[in-house]
Amino acid sequence: MTTRTTANDMKLIRSALFSLLGSPGTLPFSFSLDGRAFSGIPDSWPCETSRRTVDAKIVEYEYLARVPNSPLTISVQITKYLDFPVYEWTIYFKNCGDTPSEIISDFLGIDAELPLINPSIWHNNGDFGRAECYKTVCTPLSGGSVFRTACVGGRPCDKAFPYLRLT
């Protein structure tokens, strides 16, 4: 096995993810607001898009949407590496008002089926006050399997770390 990036690696990642990350409505995440389910950013919501070239090999994109009749905004920040088969994205929910927003639940940072052969999720076990904290674990995925991880007690990295790598 080689760790060298090939043209086929680049083609595979682009074919698997580009169509999902190319517009607000196809972004591969889902959530509920007060029990209403959403996938990506609905086309009916006001949404600004921006693109920024960081350097010759990194491009950043952002989708910033405002939930209608709500103080809530959703920002999806995507980093695309032009020389390595990797996309990164982080999703932020922010209450920009003085009143409580709707209840956010059932959030999935990735909610998509990807055409991968023998995929694995690399993740960390987070912090729980022991020497084994932040241990890297590789979990193989088989056809139709579901990987779930969640932090405990509303703390950002208690027993789960929110950054994953899909290989």
Foldseek 3Di string as FASTA:
>chain_A
DDPADDPVLQVQLCVFPVVQPVDQQSPFKWKDFQRRIHGGDDPPWDWDKDWDDPDPFKIKIKIWTDDPPWQKIKIKIWIGGNRGSDIDIDIDIDRNDDDDGTDIDPIDNGHDDTPDDFKWKWFFQFDDPDPRHRPIDIGTDDPPDDDDDDAPPPDQGHRGHPDMDMD
